[in-house]
Protein backbone atom coordinates (compact mmCIF):
# COMPACT_ATOMS: atom_id res chain seq x y z
CA MET A 1 0.06 0.01 0.05
CA ALA A 2 1.34 3.44 -0.86
CA THR A 3 2.03 6.12 1.81
CA PHE A 4 0.28 9.32 1.30
CA SER A 5 1.83 12.72 1.38
CA GLY A 6 -0.61 14.47 3.69
CA LYS A 7 -1.16 17.50 1.38
CA GLU A 8 -4.83 17.10 0.87
CA ASP A 9 -5.55 20.52 2.53
CA THR A 10 -4.47 22.22 -0.61
CA MET A 11 -5.63 19.76 -3.21
CA GLU A 12 -8.58 20.25 -5.57
CA VAL A 13 -11.41 17.81 -4.63
CA TYR A 14 -13.10 16.35 -7.69
CA ASP A 15 -16.72 15.43 -7.68
CA VAL A 16 -16.02 12.37 -9.72
CA THR A 17 -12.76 10.37 -10.59
CA ILE A 18 -13.23 7.68 -13.34
CA ILE A 19 -10.74 4.86 -13.29
CA GLY A 20 -10.49 3.43 -16.83
CA GLY A 21 -10.49 5.22 -20.18
CA GLY A 22 -12.52 2.76 -22.36
CA PRO A 23 -16.06 3.33 -23.73
CA ALA A 24 -17.62 3.37 -20.34
CA GLY A 25 -15.06 5.81 -18.76
CA LEU A 26 -15.03 8.07 -21.82
CA TYR A 27 -18.89 8.43 -21.84
CA SER A 28 -18.88 9.00 -18.07
CA ALA A 29 -16.55 11.86 -18.46
CA PHE A 30 -18.90 13.44 -20.93
CA TYR A 31 -21.93 12.78 -18.98
CA SER A 32 -20.38 13.96 -15.56
CA GLY A 33 -19.77 17.26 -17.29
CA LEU A 34 -23.30 17.45 -18.76
CA ARG A 35 -24.40 17.18 -14.89
CA ALA A 36 -22.13 20.17 -14.02
CA MET A 37 -19.67 17.96 -11.96
CA ASN A 38 -15.85 18.42 -12.15
CA VAL A 39 -14.32 15.20 -13.22
CA GLN A 40 -10.94 13.52 -13.79
CA LEU A 41 -10.34 10.31 -15.79
CA ILE A 42 -7.22 7.97 -14.85
CA GLU A 43 -6.13 5.55 -17.29
CA ALA A 44 -3.27 3.05 -16.70
CA GLN A 45 -2.36 2.59 -20.34
CA PRO A 46 -0.70 5.53 -22.36
CA TYR A 47 -3.70 5.76 -24.54
CA LEU A 48 -7.39 5.99 -24.37
CA GLY A 49 -10.13 3.64 -25.77
CA GLY A 50 -9.61 0.51 -23.74
CA LYS A 51 -10.12 -2.82 -25.41
CA LEU A 52 -11.15 -1.15 -28.70
CA ASN A 53 -7.51 -0.73 -29.31
CA LEU A 54 -7.05 -4.48 -29.78
CA TYR A 55 -9.20 -4.27 -32.92
CA SER A 56 -8.76 -0.78 -33.98
CA GLU A 57 -9.06 -1.84 -37.76
CA LYS A 58 -12.26 -3.87 -37.28
CA ILE A 59 -15.56 -2.48 -38.18
CA VAL A 60 -17.84 -1.85 -35.11
CA TRP A 61 -21.59 -2.39 -36.00
CA ASP A 62 -23.51 -2.48 -32.93
CA VAL A 63 -23.52 1.12 -31.56
CA GLY A 64 -27.03 2.68 -31.87
CA GLY A 65 -27.31 5.48 -34.48
CA MET A 66 -23.82 5.23 -35.59
CA PRO A 67 -22.83 3.93 -39.03
CA PRO A 68 -20.51 0.89 -39.16
CA MET A 69 -16.76 2.23 -38.72
CA PRO A 70 -13.59 1.12 -37.61
CA ALA A 71 -12.85 0.73 -33.93
CA GLY A 72 -10.10 3.33 -34.13
CA GLN A 73 -12.59 5.87 -35.41
CA VAL A 74 -14.88 4.98 -32.56
CA ILE A 75 -12.26 5.66 -30.01
CA GLN A 76 -11.69 9.08 -31.50
CA GLN A 77 -15.16 9.97 -31.32
CA LEU A 78 -15.61 8.90 -27.76
CA ILE A 79 -12.56 10.89 -26.92
CA ASP A 80 -13.69 14.08 -28.61
CA GLN A 81 -17.09 13.73 -26.86
CA ALA A 82 -15.51 13.02 -23.54
CA LYS A 83 -13.55 16.29 -23.82
CA THR A 84 -16.63 18.25 -24.39
CA PHE A 85 -16.47 19.76 -20.72
CA GLN A 86 -12.72 19.82 -20.31
CA PRO A 87 -12.24 16.95 -17.85
CA THR A 88 -8.79 16.41 -16.37
CA ILE A 89 -7.28 13.24 -18.11
CA HIS A 90 -4.24 11.32 -17.09
CA THR A 91 -2.89 8.44 -19.11
CA GLY A 92 -0.01 6.09 -18.25
CA GLU A 93 -0.95 6.42 -14.53
CA LYS A 94 -1.77 3.52 -12.38
CA ILE A 95 -3.51 3.55 -9.22
CA ASP A 96 -1.63 2.08 -6.52
CA GLY A 97 -3.66 2.79 -3.33
CA ILE A 98 -7.18 4.02 -2.29
CA THR A 99 -8.27 5.21 1.26
CA LYS A 100 -11.23 6.93 2.57
CA GLU A 101 -10.73 10.08 4.65
CA ALA A 102 -12.70 11.28 7.77
CA ASP A 103 -14.51 13.75 5.76
CA GLY A 104 -15.75 10.99 3.38
CA ASN A 105 -13.63 11.88 0.47
CA PHE A 106 -11.50 9.21 -1.30
CA GLN A 107 -7.82 9.71 -1.53
CA ILE A 108 -6.00 8.16 -4.40
CA HIS A 109 -2.33 7.59 -4.90
CA THR A 110 -0.82 6.62 -8.29
CA THR A 111 2.32 5.02 -9.55
CA LYS A 112 3.50 8.61 -10.64
CA ASP A 113 3.65 9.42 -6.82
CA SER A 114 0.42 11.80 -7.40
CA THR A 115 -2.30 12.04 -4.89
CA TYR A 116 -5.79 13.11 -5.72
CA LEU A 117 -8.99 13.74 -3.59
CA THR A 118 -12.54 12.77 -4.97
CA LYS A 119 -16.03 12.64 -3.60
CA THR A 120 -16.90 9.65 -5.63
CA LEU A 121 -15.20 6.82 -7.48
CA LEU A 122 -16.42 5.28 -10.96
CA LEU A 123 -14.75 1.93 -11.53
CA ALA A 124 -14.63 1.66 -15.39
CA MET A 125 -11.28 -0.34 -15.67
CA GLY A 126 -12.79 -3.25 -17.56
CA ASN A 127 -11.26 -6.39 -16.20
CA GLY A 128 -8.01 -4.72 -15.56
CA ILE A 129 -4.77 -4.52 -17.69
CA LEU A 130 -4.69 -7.22 -20.22
CA ASP A 131 -1.58 -9.23 -21.11
CA PRO A 132 -1.83 -11.86 -23.83
CA THR A 133 -2.12 -15.39 -22.51
CA PRO A 134 1.45 -17.08 -23.13
CA THR A 135 1.43 -19.53 -25.93
CA PRO A 136 3.71 -21.56 -28.09
CA PHE A 137 3.86 -18.33 -30.47
CA PHE A 138 6.01 -16.53 -27.86
CA THR A 139 9.58 -16.45 -27.44
CA ASN A 140 11.18 -18.13 -24.39
CA ASN A 141 11.16 -14.41 -22.68
CA GLY A 142 7.39 -14.10 -23.13
CA GLU A 143 7.53 -11.75 -26.11
CA LEU A 144 5.68 -12.13 -29.39
CA LEU A 145 7.65 -13.18 -32.47
CA ASP A 146 7.97 -10.88 -35.27
CA ASN A 147 5.11 -12.16 -37.47
CA VAL A 148 2.81 -13.01 -34.48
CA HIS A 149 -0.11 -10.73 -33.47
CA VAL A 150 -2.83 -10.51 -30.92
CA SER A 151 -4.61 -7.82 -33.04
CA VAL A 152 -4.14 -6.38 -36.52
CA THR A 153 -3.51 -2.67 -36.83
CA ASP A 154 -2.21 -2.57 -40.47
CA PHE A 155 -4.29 -4.34 -43.03
CA GLU A 156 -1.98 -3.57 -45.70
CA ALA A 157 0.60 -5.87 -44.10
CA MET A 158 -1.66 -8.79 -44.39
CA LYS A 159 -2.26 -8.38 -48.20
CA HIS A 160 -1.26 -11.49 -50.31
CA LYS A 161 -0.17 -13.20 -47.04
CA ARG A 162 -0.89 -16.59 -45.85
CA VAL A 163 -2.51 -16.01 -42.50
CA PHE A 164 -2.70 -18.48 -39.66
CA ILE A 165 -5.35 -17.87 -37.05
CA SER A 166 -5.41 -19.87 -33.76
CA GLY A 167 -8.77 -19.70 -31.73
CA GLY A 168 -12.29 -20.11 -32.04
CA GLY A 169 -13.95 -17.32 -30.17
CA ASN A 170 -15.60 -14.11 -31.41
CA SER A 171 -12.07 -12.38 -31.91
CA ALA A 172 -10.58 -15.26 -34.00
CA ILE A 173 -13.68 -15.53 -36.26
CA ASP A 174 -14.04 -11.86 -36.65
CA TRP A 175 -10.38 -11.66 -37.76
CA ALA A 176 -10.79 -14.59 -40.17
CA ASN A 177 -13.78 -13.03 -41.85
CA THR A 178 -12.16 -9.57 -42.02
CA LEU A 179 -9.04 -10.70 -43.52
CA ALA A 180 -10.51 -13.28 -45.96
CA PRO A 181 -10.86 -10.71 -48.89
CA ILE A 182 -7.37 -9.21 -48.18
CA ALA A 183 -5.18 -12.13 -47.46
CA LYS A 184 -3.98 -14.70 -49.94
CA GLU A 185 -5.30 -17.36 -47.80
CA VAL A 186 -6.67 -17.53 -44.18
CA ILE A 187 -6.41 -20.66 -42.05
CA LEU A 188 -8.44 -20.74 -38.76
CA VAL A 189 -7.58 -23.56 -36.37
CA TYR A 190 -9.43 -24.29 -33.24
CA ARG A 191 -9.02 -27.23 -30.86
CA GLN A 192 -12.66 -27.64 -30.04
CA GLU A 193 -15.40 -29.25 -32.08
CA GLU A 194 -17.45 -26.14 -32.70
CA PHE A 195 -16.69 -22.37 -32.87
CA LYS A 196 -17.87 -20.27 -30.09
CA GLY A 197 -18.54 -16.92 -31.76
CA HIS A 198 -21.85 -15.16 -32.73
CA GLU A 199 -23.99 -17.35 -34.82
CA ALA A 200 -24.01 -15.17 -37.92
CA GLU A 201 -20.30 -14.74 -38.03
CA VAL A 202 -19.72 -18.59 -37.55
CA GLU A 203 -22.05 -19.29 -40.39
CA ARG A 204 -20.14 -16.78 -42.43
CA VAL A 205 -16.57 -18.13 -41.68
CA LEU A 206 -17.84 -21.68 -42.37
CA SER A 207 -19.35 -20.87 -45.65
CA GLY A 208 -16.72 -18.56 -46.96
CA PRO A 209 -13.17 -18.87 -48.36
CA VAL A 210 -11.65 -19.37 -44.87
CA THR A 211 -9.83 -22.89 -44.42
CA CYS A 212 -11.42 -23.95 -41.15
CA ILE A 213 -9.74 -26.69 -39.11
CA LEU A 214 -11.60 -27.94 -36.04
CA GLN A 215 -10.35 -30.43 -33.43
CA ALA A 216 -6.68 -29.73 -33.99
CA ASP A 217 -3.79 -29.24 -31.55
CA LEU A 218 -0.70 -27.06 -32.29
CA ILE A 219 2.22 -29.57 -32.06
CA SER A 220 5.30 -27.47 -33.09
CA LYS A 221 6.55 -24.44 -34.92
CA LYS A 222 9.62 -23.92 -37.14
CA LEU A 223 11.43 -20.59 -36.99
CA THR A 224 13.07 -18.73 -39.63
CA PRO A 225 16.90 -19.06 -39.68
CA ASN A 226 17.38 -15.89 -37.64
CA GLY A 227 14.73 -17.24 -35.09
CA SER A 228 12.63 -14.11 -35.05
CA SER A 229 9.54 -15.30 -37.03
CA ILE A 230 7.53 -18.41 -37.51
CA GLU A 231 8.04 -20.24 -40.93
CA THR A 232 5.74 -23.39 -40.52
CA ILE A 233 3.30 -24.63 -37.85
CA THR A 234 2.48 -28.37 -37.47
CA ILE A 235 -0.99 -29.24 -36.26
CA GLN A 236 -2.29 -32.68 -35.31
CA ASP A 237 -5.90 -33.94 -35.64
CA LYS A 238 -7.45 -34.95 -32.22
CA GLU A 239 -9.34 -37.92 -33.57
CA THR A 240 -6.99 -39.41 -36.32
CA ASN A 241 -3.72 -38.04 -35.03
CA ARG A 242 -2.70 -37.06 -38.32
CA LYS A 243 -0.18 -34.36 -38.66
CA GLU A 244 0.02 -31.57 -41.01
CA THR A 245 2.52 -28.79 -41.51
CA LEU A 246 1.41 -25.56 -42.78
CA SER A 247 3.56 -22.69 -44.24
CA VAL A 248 2.55 -19.30 -42.85
CA ASP A 249 3.42 -15.74 -43.30
CA GLU A 250 1.68 -14.06 -40.46
CA VAL A 251 -0.10 -15.57 -37.21
CA ILE A 252 -2.76 -14.11 -35.22
CA VAL A 253 -3.17 -15.55 -31.67
CA CYS A 254 -6.66 -15.34 -30.15
CA HIS A 255 -6.19 -17.30 -27.03
CA GLY A 256 -7.34 -14.65 -24.43
CA PHE A 257 -5.70 -12.48 -22.18
CA ASN A 258 -4.41 -12.58 -18.48
CA ARG A 259 -6.09 -9.95 -16.52
CA LYS A 260 -4.19 -7.89 -13.94
CA ASN A 261 -6.07 -5.68 -11.57
CA GLU A 262 -4.01 -4.99 -8.56
CA LEU A 263 -6.55 -2.41 -7.42
CA PHE A 264 -8.37 -5.08 -5.58
CA GLU A 265 -5.36 -5.60 -3.38
CA GLN A 266 -4.25 -2.03 -3.04
CA ASN A 267 -7.17 -0.47 -1.37
CA ASP A 268 -8.29 0.17 2.12
CA VAL A 269 -11.94 0.81 1.33
CA GLY A 270 -13.22 -2.62 1.11
CA LEU A 271 -13.06 -3.21 -2.75
CA GLU A 272 -13.09 -6.84 -3.57
CA VAL A 273 -12.94 -8.90 -6.73
CA PHE A 274 -16.28 -10.80 -7.51
CA ASP A 275 -16.43 -13.87 -9.60
CA ASN A 276 -12.77 -13.86 -10.44
CA TYR A 277 -12.69 -10.60 -12.52
CA TYR A 278 -15.58 -8.12 -11.60
CA VAL A 279 -16.92 -5.74 -9.10
CA LYS A 280 -20.33 -6.85 -7.70
CA ALA A 281 -22.93 -4.00 -8.28
CA THR A 282 -26.48 -3.33 -8.67
CA PRO A 283 -28.14 -2.60 -12.06
CA GLN A 284 -27.75 1.01 -11.02
CA THR A 285 -24.06 0.53 -10.62
CA GLU A 286 -23.92 0.91 -6.74
CA THR A 287 -21.33 -1.28 -4.97
CA ALA A 288 -21.23 -2.21 -1.34
CA ILE A 289 -19.10 0.92 -0.71
CA PRO A 290 -20.99 4.06 -0.64
CA GLY A 291 -19.62 6.65 -3.08
CA VAL A 292 -18.04 3.85 -5.38
CA PHE A 293 -19.91 2.73 -8.58
CA ALA A 294 -18.96 0.03 -11.06
CA LEU A 295 -19.74 0.25 -14.66
CA GLY A 296 -18.92 -1.26 -18.06
CA ASP A 297 -17.04 -4.55 -18.15
CA ALA A 298 -15.72 -3.98 -14.71
CA ALA A 299 -19.35 -4.59 -13.34
CA LYS A 300 -21.42 -7.76 -12.83
CA TYR A 301 -24.98 -7.81 -11.98
CA PRO A 302 -28.27 -9.54 -13.15
CA GLY A 303 -29.03 -8.61 -16.81
CA LYS A 304 -25.69 -6.87 -17.34
CA VAL A 305 -25.03 -6.41 -21.20
CA HIS A 306 -21.24 -6.59 -22.18
CA LEU A 307 -21.62 -4.34 -25.35
CA ILE A 308 -20.58 -0.74 -25.93
CA ALA A 309 -24.25 0.02 -25.70
CA GLY A 310 -24.48 -1.41 -22.28
CA ALA A 311 -21.26 0.60 -21.37
CA PHE A 312 -23.13 3.85 -22.09
CA HIS A 313 -26.16 2.71 -20.15
CA ASP A 314 -23.85 2.13 -17.16
CA ALA A 315 -22.28 5.36 -17.40
CA VAL A 316 -25.58 7.31 -17.31
CA ASN A 317 -26.75 5.33 -14.28
CA ALA A 318 -23.38 5.66 -12.50
CA VAL A 319 -23.01 9.50 -13.02
CA ASN A 320 -26.59 9.99 -11.92
CA ALA A 321 -26.02 7.86 -8.91
CA ALA A 322 -22.73 9.84 -8.09
CA LYS A 323 -24.58 13.13 -8.61
CA THR A 324 -27.37 12.25 -6.08
CA TYR A 325 -24.63 10.71 -3.65
CA ILE A 326 -22.93 14.21 -3.59
CA ASP A 327 -26.15 16.13 -3.48
CA PRO A 328 -29.23 14.15 -2.37
CA GLN A 329 -31.37 17.15 -3.57
CA ALA A 330 -30.23 16.73 -7.16
CA ASN A 331 -32.47 15.53 -9.98
CA ALA A 332 -32.11 11.62 -10.09
CA MET A 333 -31.96 11.95 -13.83
CA GLY A 334 -30.03 14.40 -16.02
CA THR A 335 -31.68 16.59 -18.48
CA VAL A 336 -32.27 15.36 -22.02
CA SER A 337 -29.26 16.58 -24.02
CA THR A 338 -31.32 18.74 -26.37
CA TYR A 339 -32.50 20.72 -23.46
CA ALA A 340 -29.25 20.71 -21.37
CA ASP A 341 -28.30 24.39 -20.62
CA LYS A 342 -24.58 23.36 -20.65
CA LEU A 343 -24.87 22.38 -24.21
CA LYS A 344 -26.61 25.54 -25.45
CA PRO A 345 -23.44 27.59 -26.09
CA LYS A 346 -22.16 24.75 -28.39
CA VAL A 347 -25.26 24.33 -30.52
CA ALA A 348 -24.39 27.03 -32.86
CA THR A 349 -20.95 25.53 -33.37
CA VAL A 350 -22.52 22.22 -34.14
CA TRP A 351 -25.01 23.48 -36.58
CA LYS A 352 -22.49 25.54 -38.39
CA GLN A 353 -20.49 22.17 -38.88
CA TYR A 354 -23.40 20.46 -40.29
CA ALA A 355 -24.32 23.39 -42.66
CA THR A 356 -20.71 23.22 -44.25
CA GLU A 357 -20.86 19.32 -44.89
């Protein structure tokens, strides 16, 4: 646990501190500003966007009212919206201690030796910091080989390549379908009998040009002469034991991630992990700790929706709950944005933008 500096008398006290800069955290920053609260957002990674950064080139289809667009563009729009009311944003800063003061405020300490005070906490850190699960595609030092990826950020690099994808969940299937018209060949290998992705995408991958190999184990790999990349991969059929060696140019590994969330061990306020990765919350995002609210993929409650749309829903509930926690006389719900006084000065600018398009 960190030792705090004791300089809280001169510190600004934020109404809301958001831990996590993914969709839930970014929308919370916007909505907190809409409700006239001063807000800061703290993100452990050096960039914002959360897990969307793992598939920045993939098309996101399921955000209401938004046309299909690359995840990277979704991130930028979320960031632009989050900055509407000039929140304080810290990136590359990891929280290593939380305590609750006698006056009811929370004191936060970070790995940059910074200390902050806040009236409420919004836990929007997903399932923590994600590290790829070690696989045979890693070096002995636990690093990825040069032609091995856990996500694709450059589609041009996949053109006319023989792409080997290992995995059978949504990510593996989505990458296979996305790269099929780009790569020379896409080979999707999974050790189970059936893929586990969304039904429509599974049907698409099975009926398209992707070579799908089920019930196959990865037996060995052959590296290039300099040892930096994979040249061939040998797989074995689990039923017949027949082995096959495949030449590969690029490899995408979709074996999941190890989650690290030291926040559960580094707090004195009673924050505990629930069901391995989550914070137990109500559908209104309340936790067992007054003033602490859990949202997005960090939260678990009956009926929880793990989609970007669900993150937005949680963000609204969390901010409204924080508002009434701070001021019990405040309206339980924020004003519809079209009538919000704080947005009126910005309306002319927005209309001017549309008029010039």
